[in-house]
């Protein structure tokens, strides 16, 4: 299956290849939760803690990082490209479209066109946010009630910057942003280990 997907998507990938986010945003902070047990699956499903996106999406994220840097904030990336095989595992654990896309349709993550992000201050210290990443429920929503004013200000600022850079937000997850062009690209199932040297 992987070989077939690679052949079918080779022209699209050649025109807009997958790139390591660190090559575009050198000061990005990676906290790839799916390479650890600190996620809703409670186990590691990524063999390596890396974050890849399509180059055009990574360039939009770089623009957002520049804007945030001017506000003395840095991006933390929790997840980016996600192989379809992992999406299937997630759906088996939580078949709830508010939080996990149905693998039959694929997600923007499977197209290397979505990123889950948080923030730190300029020195890399965490700032107040409404909830932890992957903490599904009311506090994960952009319009969550009972969130501290500081956390609300941080996620509202993040949302303004990300949407201004060409991303679309997801109402039920303050951390999730997808490239507005995501639906134009095919679903991928390239293992993350195959993308790393």
Protein backbone atom coordinates (compact mmCIF):
# COMPACT_ATOMS: atom_id res chain seq x y z
CA UNK A 1 0.00 0.00 0.00
CA UNK A 2 2.78 2.45 0.92
CA UNK A 3 4.55 1.95 -2.40
CA UNK A 4 1.30 2.54 -4.30
CA UNK A 5 0.63 5.76 -2.39
CA UNK A 6 4.17 6.97 -3.02
CA UNK A 7 3.84 6.33 -6.78
CA UNK A 8 0.43 8.00 -7.00
CA UNK A 9 1.54 11.06 -5.08
CA UNK A 10 5.08 11.42 -6.47
CA UNK A 11 4.26 14.35 -8.82
CA UNK A 12 2.45 16.25 -6.05
CA UNK A 13 5.27 15.60 -3.62
CA UNK A 14 7.91 16.64 -6.14
CA UNK A 15 6.19 20.00 -6.61
CA UNK A 16 5.60 20.56 -2.89
CA UNK A 17 7.78 18.09 -0.91
CA UNK A 18 7.61 17.25 2.75
CA UNK A 19 10.18 19.20 4.78
CA UNK A 20 11.39 19.02 8.35
CA UNK A 21 9.89 22.05 10.10
CA UNK A 22 13.25 22.72 11.77
CA UNK A 23 14.79 23.45 8.37
CA UNK A 24 12.31 26.32 7.88
CA UNK A 25 11.92 27.51 11.50
CA UNK A 26 15.23 26.89 13.32
CA UNK A 27 13.97 28.11 16.72
CA UNK A 28 10.79 26.01 16.73
CA UNK A 29 10.32 23.93 19.87
CA UNK A 30 9.39 20.32 19.13
CA UNK A 31 7.28 18.51 21.71
CA UNK A 32 6.06 15.67 19.49
CA UNK A 33 3.64 13.99 21.87
CA UNK A 34 2.93 10.97 19.66
CA UNK A 35 6.58 9.95 19.99
CA UNK A 36 5.88 9.64 23.75
CA UNK A 37 3.11 8.25 25.95
CA UNK A 38 1.87 11.79 26.78
CA UNK A 39 -1.14 11.67 24.45
CA UNK A 40 -4.68 10.31 24.42
CA UNK A 41 -3.48 6.92 23.17
CA UNK A 42 -1.20 6.71 26.23
CA UNK A 43 1.58 5.18 24.16
CA UNK A 44 4.15 6.13 21.56
CA UNK A 45 2.96 5.69 17.97
CA UNK A 46 5.78 7.62 16.26
CA UNK A 47 9.23 6.00 16.12
CA UNK A 48 11.00 9.37 16.07
CA UNK A 49 10.11 12.85 17.42
CA UNK A 50 10.01 14.72 14.11
CA UNK A 51 7.62 17.16 12.47
CA UNK A 52 7.19 17.35 8.70
CA UNK A 53 4.86 19.47 6.57
CA UNK A 54 4.49 20.26 2.90
CA UNK A 55 6.96 23.00 2.06
CA UNK A 56 4.19 25.49 1.23
CA UNK A 57 2.49 24.80 4.59
CA UNK A 58 5.81 25.03 6.44
CA UNK A 59 6.39 28.43 4.80
CA UNK A 60 3.02 29.63 6.13
CA UNK A 61 4.00 28.34 9.57
CA UNK A 62 7.30 30.23 9.25
CA UNK A 63 5.36 33.43 8.62
CA UNK A 64 3.31 32.77 11.76
CA UNK A 65 6.52 32.10 13.71
CA UNK A 66 7.95 35.43 12.53
CA UNK A 67 4.83 37.29 13.64
CA UNK A 68 4.83 35.54 17.01
CA UNK A 69 8.55 36.22 17.51
CA UNK A 70 7.79 39.93 17.19
CA UNK A 71 5.34 39.41 20.09
CA UNK A 72 8.03 37.63 22.16
CA UNK A 73 6.44 34.24 21.60
CA UNK A 74 7.79 31.00 20.11
CA UNK A 75 5.92 28.12 18.51
CA UNK A 76 5.77 24.69 20.11
CA UNK A 77 4.84 21.92 17.66
CA UNK A 78 3.02 18.89 19.08
CA UNK A 79 2.19 17.20 15.77
CA UNK A 80 2.39 17.79 12.02
CA UNK A 81 2.36 15.16 9.23
CA UNK A 82 0.74 11.97 10.47
CA UNK A 83 0.81 8.70 8.48
CA UNK A 84 -2.62 7.26 7.65
CA UNK A 85 -1.75 4.05 9.52
CA UNK A 86 -1.48 6.10 12.74
CA UNK A 87 -4.76 7.86 11.94
CA UNK A 88 -6.46 4.45 11.83
CA UNK A 89 -5.05 3.59 15.23
CA UNK A 90 -6.33 6.88 16.65
CA UNK A 91 -9.80 6.36 15.16
CA UNK A 92 -9.98 2.87 16.66
CA UNK A 93 -9.32 4.41 20.10
CA UNK A 94 -11.54 7.53 19.73
CA UNK A 95 -14.02 7.45 16.82
CA UNK A 96 -15.25 10.98 17.50
CA UNK A 97 -15.05 13.37 14.53
CA UNK A 98 -14.79 16.39 16.85
CA UNK A 99 -11.30 15.25 17.79
CA UNK A 100 -10.12 12.57 15.35
CA UNK A 101 -10.75 12.53 11.60
CA UNK A 102 -12.23 9.38 10.09
CA UNK A 103 -9.37 7.63 8.26
CA UNK A 104 -11.79 6.68 5.49
CA UNK A 105 -11.61 10.35 4.45
CA UNK A 106 -8.23 11.18 5.95
CA UNK A 107 -7.27 14.28 7.84
CA UNK A 108 -5.28 17.37 6.96
CA UNK A 109 -2.53 15.83 9.14
CA UNK A 110 -2.44 12.86 6.74
CA UNK A 111 -1.96 15.33 3.89
CA UNK A 112 1.00 16.99 5.67
CA UNK A 113 -1.07 20.17 5.81
CA UNK A 114 -2.02 20.47 9.50
CA UNK A 115 -0.06 21.33 12.59
CA UNK A 116 -0.86 21.20 16.30
CA UNK A 117 0.84 24.06 18.11
CA UNK A 118 1.26 25.78 21.45
CA UNK A 119 3.31 28.72 22.66
CA UNK A 120 6.21 29.65 24.90
CA UNK A 121 7.70 33.00 25.79
CA UNK A 122 10.86 34.16 24.01
CA UNK A 123 13.05 32.19 26.44
CA UNK A 124 11.17 28.94 25.79
CA UNK A 125 9.12 28.94 29.01
CA UNK A 126 5.52 27.70 28.71
CA UNK A 127 2.78 30.32 28.86
CA UNK A 128 -0.76 29.93 30.19
CA UNK A 129 -2.96 27.92 27.81
CA UNK A 130 -6.54 26.68 28.29
CA UNK A 131 -5.65 22.99 28.56
CA UNK A 132 -2.95 20.50 27.75
CA UNK A 133 -2.58 19.20 24.19
CA UNK A 134 -4.90 16.23 23.51
CA UNK A 135 -7.01 17.08 26.56
CA UNK A 136 -10.30 16.64 24.73
CA UNK A 137 -13.31 18.31 26.26
CA UNK A 138 -14.82 21.72 27.01
CA UNK A 139 -11.53 23.49 27.85
CA UNK A 140 -10.04 22.48 24.49
CA UNK A 141 -12.57 24.65 22.64
CA UNK A 142 -11.56 28.08 21.36
CA UNK A 143 -14.58 29.62 23.10
CA UNK A 144 -14.20 27.62 26.32
CA UNK A 145 -15.84 29.00 29.43
CA UNK A 146 -13.90 29.23 32.68
CA UNK A 147 -10.52 29.78 31.03
CA UNK A 148 -8.18 32.28 32.67
CA UNK A 149 -7.91 35.68 30.97
CA UNK A 150 -4.19 35.04 30.38
CA UNK A 151 -4.82 31.70 28.64
CA UNK A 152 -7.66 33.17 26.58
CA UNK A 153 -5.43 36.04 25.44
CA UNK A 154 -2.67 33.61 24.41
CA UNK A 155 -4.92 31.37 22.30
CA UNK A 156 -6.76 34.31 20.75
CA UNK A 157 -3.41 35.82 19.77
CA UNK A 158 -2.24 32.48 18.39
CA UNK A 159 -5.47 32.11 16.39
CA UNK A 160 -5.17 35.61 14.87
CA UNK A 161 -1.59 34.95 13.79
CA UNK A 162 -2.21 31.44 12.43
CA UNK A 163 -5.33 32.45 10.49
CA UNK A 164 -3.51 35.52 9.17
CA UNK A 165 -0.73 33.24 7.90
CA UNK A 166 -3.16 31.06 5.88
CA UNK A 167 -4.41 28.45 8.35
CA UNK A 168 -7.93 27.49 9.39
CA UNK A 169 -8.70 26.77 13.06
CA UNK A 170 -10.76 23.95 14.50
CA UNK A 171 -13.42 25.02 17.04
CA UNK A 172 -12.99 22.00 19.32
CA UNK A 173 -9.17 22.07 19.56
CA UNK A 174 -7.34 25.34 20.29
CA UNK A 175 -4.05 23.78 19.15
CA UNK A 176 -5.13 22.51 15.69
CA UNK A 177 -4.54 24.49 12.49
CA UNK A 178 -4.76 23.32 8.90
CA UNK A 179 -3.61 24.87 5.67
CA UNK A 180 -6.55 26.30 3.74
CA UNK A 181 -5.25 24.34 0.72
CA UNK A 182 -5.23 20.98 2.53
CA UNK A 183 -8.07 19.36 0.58
CA UNK A 184 -6.11 19.77 -2.67
CA UNK A 185 -3.51 17.21 -1.58
CA UNK A 186 -3.66 13.43 -1.30
CA UNK A 187 -3.64 11.39 1.89
CA UNK A 188 -0.21 9.89 2.61
CA UNK A 189 1.00 6.86 4.53
CA UNK A 190 4.75 7.37 4.35
CA UNK A 191 6.32 6.12 7.61
CA UNK A 192 8.05 8.87 9.59
CA UNK A 193 11.22 6.79 9.80
CA UNK A 194 11.41 6.87 5.98
CA UNK A 195 11.53 10.68 6.10
CA UNK A 196 14.50 10.87 8.48
CA UNK A 197 18.15 10.24 7.58
